[in-house]
Amino acid sequence: MGDTRRIVILGEDQAHRNFARGLLLGLRYERRDLHEENLPAGGSGQSYVIRKYPEVREEFLRKQRMNRKCALIAFLDLDSGEYSLTGNELCLLIAYCRRNVETWIHALIEDDVVDEETNYKPRQTDLAIATKAGGLLASALIDGNIDDKWPTQLRLFANRVQSFRANCQLRTK
């Protein structure tokens, strides 16, 4: 987390990072303030997020103690177990996708009812679609439309994003 970065995105694959980027840009945060933690080649993205999160969170907390405006967004799919990334700081946003983020992407892009048990990953492989879905979520939140047909975890995340926006005073366009 370099000093010039304000919002760090930690996700287990590129779809997570694109979704988060689309969401943040749609909420009018500045592109130059976004920093994506890149995954190392090979290995499990989920394991990397779980292993890397404490280090990134500690850096985030250090910057907050120094009165620097910063935020951390972490994405984790729960498709292979229950994991908990701890923290309740105002500028910390954690997304738990019940199955995988492609479920959320499908729900937003197709405007369709989805369940959190079906694997939508094979249907959503275009990474640009993940960015678009994040933008659609941002538009819905700006308009105050949290859709009842969205998956439970997506609705919970949408509520956390609203709280994040209200409590985390970062520069927007």
Protein backbone atom coordinates (compact mmCIF):
# COMPACT_ATOMS: atom_id res chain seq x y z
CA MET A 1 0.00 0.00 0.00
CA GLY A 2 1.99 2.98 -1.25
CA ASP A 3 1.39 6.39 0.28
CA THR A 4 -0.32 7.72 -2.85
CA ARG A 5 -2.93 4.95 -2.90
CA ARG A 6 -6.20 5.59 -1.14
CA ILE A 7 -8.29 2.48 -1.84
CA VAL A 8 -6.68 -0.97 -1.89
CA ILE A 9 -8.55 -3.82 -3.58
CA LEU A 10 -7.70 -7.37 -2.48
CA GLY A 11 -9.52 -10.09 -4.40
CA GLU A 12 -8.86 -13.71 -5.15
CA ASP A 13 -9.03 -13.31 -8.93
CA GLN A 14 -9.35 -10.72 -11.68
CA ALA A 15 -13.16 -10.95 -11.72
CA HIS A 16 -13.22 -9.78 -8.08
CA ARG A 17 -10.87 -6.91 -8.79
CA ASN A 18 -12.78 -5.85 -11.93
CA PHE A 19 -16.09 -5.98 -10.06
CA ALA A 20 -14.65 -3.84 -7.24
CA ARG A 21 -13.10 -1.39 -9.72
CA GLY A 22 -16.41 -1.03 -11.61
CA LEU A 23 -18.23 -0.45 -8.32
CA LEU A 24 -15.78 2.16 -7.08
CA LEU A 25 -15.58 4.01 -10.38
CA GLY A 26 -19.38 3.93 -10.57
CA LEU A 27 -19.49 5.49 -7.10
CA ARG A 28 -17.25 8.22 -8.53
CA TYR A 29 -14.01 7.41 -6.76
CA GLU A 30 -10.97 8.42 -8.76
CA ARG A 31 -9.20 5.75 -10.82
CA ARG A 32 -5.81 7.06 -9.67
CA ASP A 33 -6.79 6.34 -6.06
CA LEU A 34 -7.43 2.64 -6.71
CA HIS A 35 -4.69 0.09 -6.15
CA GLU A 36 -5.17 -3.61 -6.86
CA GLU A 37 -3.08 -6.15 -5.01
CA ASN A 38 -1.89 -8.54 -7.71
CA LEU A 39 -1.92 -12.26 -7.12
CA PRO A 40 1.26 -14.27 -7.53
CA ALA A 41 1.34 -16.67 -10.47
CA GLY A 42 -0.03 -20.11 -9.64
CA GLY A 43 -1.60 -21.24 -6.40
CA SER A 44 -4.97 -20.54 -4.87
CA GLY A 45 -6.26 -16.98 -4.99
CA GLN A 46 -8.42 -17.68 -1.97
CA SER A 47 -5.42 -18.86 0.06
CA TYR A 48 -3.51 -15.78 -1.03
CA VAL A 49 -6.27 -13.41 0.14
CA ILE A 50 -6.57 -15.20 3.49
CA ARG A 51 -2.78 -15.12 3.95
CA LYS A 52 -2.25 -11.54 2.67
CA TYR A 53 -5.25 -9.89 4.37
CA PRO A 54 -3.71 -9.45 7.87
CA GLU A 55 -0.64 -7.73 6.40
CA VAL A 56 -2.67 -5.41 4.15
CA ARG A 57 -5.13 -4.64 6.96
CA GLU A 58 -2.28 -3.79 9.35
CA GLU A 59 -0.86 -1.34 6.80
CA PHE A 60 -4.35 0.14 6.37
CA LEU A 61 -4.72 0.59 10.14
CA ARG A 62 -1.26 2.16 10.38
CA LYS A 63 -2.22 4.73 7.76
CA GLN A 64 -5.48 5.47 9.52
CA ARG A 65 -3.60 6.06 12.78
CA MET A 66 -1.48 8.57 10.85
CA ASN A 67 -4.73 10.32 9.79
CA ARG A 68 -4.31 9.36 6.17
CA LYS A 69 -7.49 8.85 4.20
CA CYS A 70 -7.47 5.29 2.95
CA ALA A 71 -9.76 2.32 2.48
CA LEU A 72 -9.46 -1.42 2.02
CA ILE A 73 -11.85 -3.64 0.07
CA ALA A 74 -11.41 -7.42 0.28
CA PHE A 75 -13.36 -10.01 -1.75
CA LEU A 76 -13.57 -13.66 -0.84
CA ASP A 77 -15.64 -16.49 -2.34
CA LEU A 78 -17.01 -18.97 0.17
CA ASP A 79 -17.36 -21.77 -2.38
CA SER A 80 -15.00 -24.07 -0.55
CA GLY A 81 -15.60 -23.29 3.09
CA GLU A 82 -16.29 -20.64 5.68
CA TYR A 83 -13.61 -18.03 6.26
CA SER A 84 -13.66 -14.84 8.21
CA LEU A 85 -11.68 -11.73 7.49
CA THR A 86 -11.91 -9.71 10.67
CA GLY A 87 -12.32 -6.00 11.06
CA ASN A 88 -15.08 -3.47 11.46
CA GLU A 89 -13.27 -0.23 10.73
CA LEU A 90 -15.30 2.42 8.93
CA CYS A 91 -13.25 2.36 5.73
CA LEU A 92 -12.99 -1.41 5.54
CA LEU A 93 -15.34 -3.22 3.18
CA ILE A 94 -15.40 -7.03 3.05
CA ALA A 95 -17.38 -8.92 0.42
CA TYR A 96 -18.30 -12.56 1.02
CA CYS A 97 -19.72 -14.16 -2.11
CA ARG A 98 -21.67 -17.25 -1.00
CA ARG A 99 -20.69 -19.32 -4.04
CA ASN A 100 -18.58 -16.99 -6.21
CA VAL A 101 -18.64 -13.43 -7.52
CA GLU A 102 -19.98 -14.67 -10.86
CA THR A 103 -23.31 -15.27 -9.10
CA TRP A 104 -23.49 -11.55 -8.33
CA ILE A 105 -22.36 -10.68 -11.86
CA HIS A 106 -25.08 -12.89 -13.36
CA ALA A 107 -27.75 -11.38 -11.08
CA LEU A 108 -26.78 -7.83 -12.01
CA ILE A 109 -26.10 -8.28 -15.74
CA GLU A 110 -29.02 -10.60 -16.51
CA ASP A 111 -31.35 -8.87 -14.03
CA ASP A 112 -32.36 -12.38 -13.12
CA VAL A 113 -33.18 -14.31 -9.97
CA VAL A 114 -30.22 -16.49 -9.04
CA ASP A 115 -29.53 -18.90 -6.24
CA GLU A 116 -26.33 -19.01 -4.28
CA GLU A 117 -25.78 -22.73 -4.79
CA THR A 118 -25.56 -22.83 -8.60
CA ASN A 119 -22.12 -22.31 -10.10
CA TYR A 120 -22.46 -19.36 -12.50
CA LYS A 121 -18.70 -19.19 -13.11
CA PRO A 122 -18.76 -20.99 -16.49
CA ARG A 123 -21.44 -18.54 -17.72
CA GLN A 124 -19.55 -15.37 -16.79
CA THR A 125 -16.02 -15.51 -18.16
CA ASP A 126 -15.66 -12.04 -19.75
CA LEU A 127 -13.77 -9.86 -17.28
CA ALA A 128 -15.20 -6.67 -18.81
CA ILE A 129 -18.63 -7.93 -17.74
CA ALA A 130 -17.41 -8.03 -14.13
CA THR A 131 -16.49 -4.33 -14.36
CA LYS A 132 -19.88 -3.55 -15.89
CA ALA A 133 -21.68 -5.48 -13.12
CA GLY A 134 -19.82 -3.47 -10.47
CA GLY A 135 -20.94 -0.30 -12.24
CA LEU A 136 -24.54 -1.53 -12.31
CA LEU A 137 -24.39 -2.14 -8.57
CA ALA A 138 -23.05 1.39 -8.08
CA SER A 139 -25.90 2.85 -10.15
CA ALA A 140 -28.46 0.88 -8.18
CA LEU A 141 -26.98 2.09 -4.89
CA ILE A 142 -26.88 5.71 -6.03
CA ASP A 143 -30.56 5.40 -6.97
CA GLY A 144 -31.31 3.66 -3.65
CA ASN A 145 -32.47 0.44 -5.33
CA ILE A 146 -31.35 -2.65 -3.46
CA ASP A 147 -33.30 -5.31 -5.34
CA ASP A 148 -35.10 -7.99 -3.29
CA LYS A 149 -34.35 -10.60 -5.94
CA TRP A 150 -30.58 -10.21 -5.54
CA PRO A 151 -28.81 -13.03 -3.68
CA THR A 152 -28.68 -12.55 0.09
CA GLN A 153 -24.93 -11.95 0.22
CA LEU A 154 -25.17 -9.33 -2.54
CA ARG A 155 -27.91 -7.47 -0.65
CA LEU A 156 -25.83 -7.59 2.54
CA PHE A 157 -22.80 -6.31 0.64
CA ALA A 158 -24.90 -3.51 -0.93
CA ASN A 159 -25.91 -2.39 2.56
CA ARG A 160 -22.27 -2.44 3.68
CA VAL A 161 -21.31 -0.36 0.64
CA GLN A 162 -23.93 2.23 1.60
CA SER A 163 -22.47 2.39 5.11
CA PHE A 164 -18.94 2.58 3.64
CA ARG A 165 -19.99 5.53 1.44
CA ALA A 166 -21.61 7.33 4.36
CA ASN A 167 -18.77 6.83 6.84
CA CYS A 168 -15.61 6.77 4.76
CA GLN A 169 -14.83 10.27 3.56
CA LEU A 170 -12.58 9.76 0.56
CA ARG A 171 -12.19 11.97 -2.47
CA THR A 172 -14.72 11.45 -5.25
CA LYS A 173 -15.12 13.18 -8.61
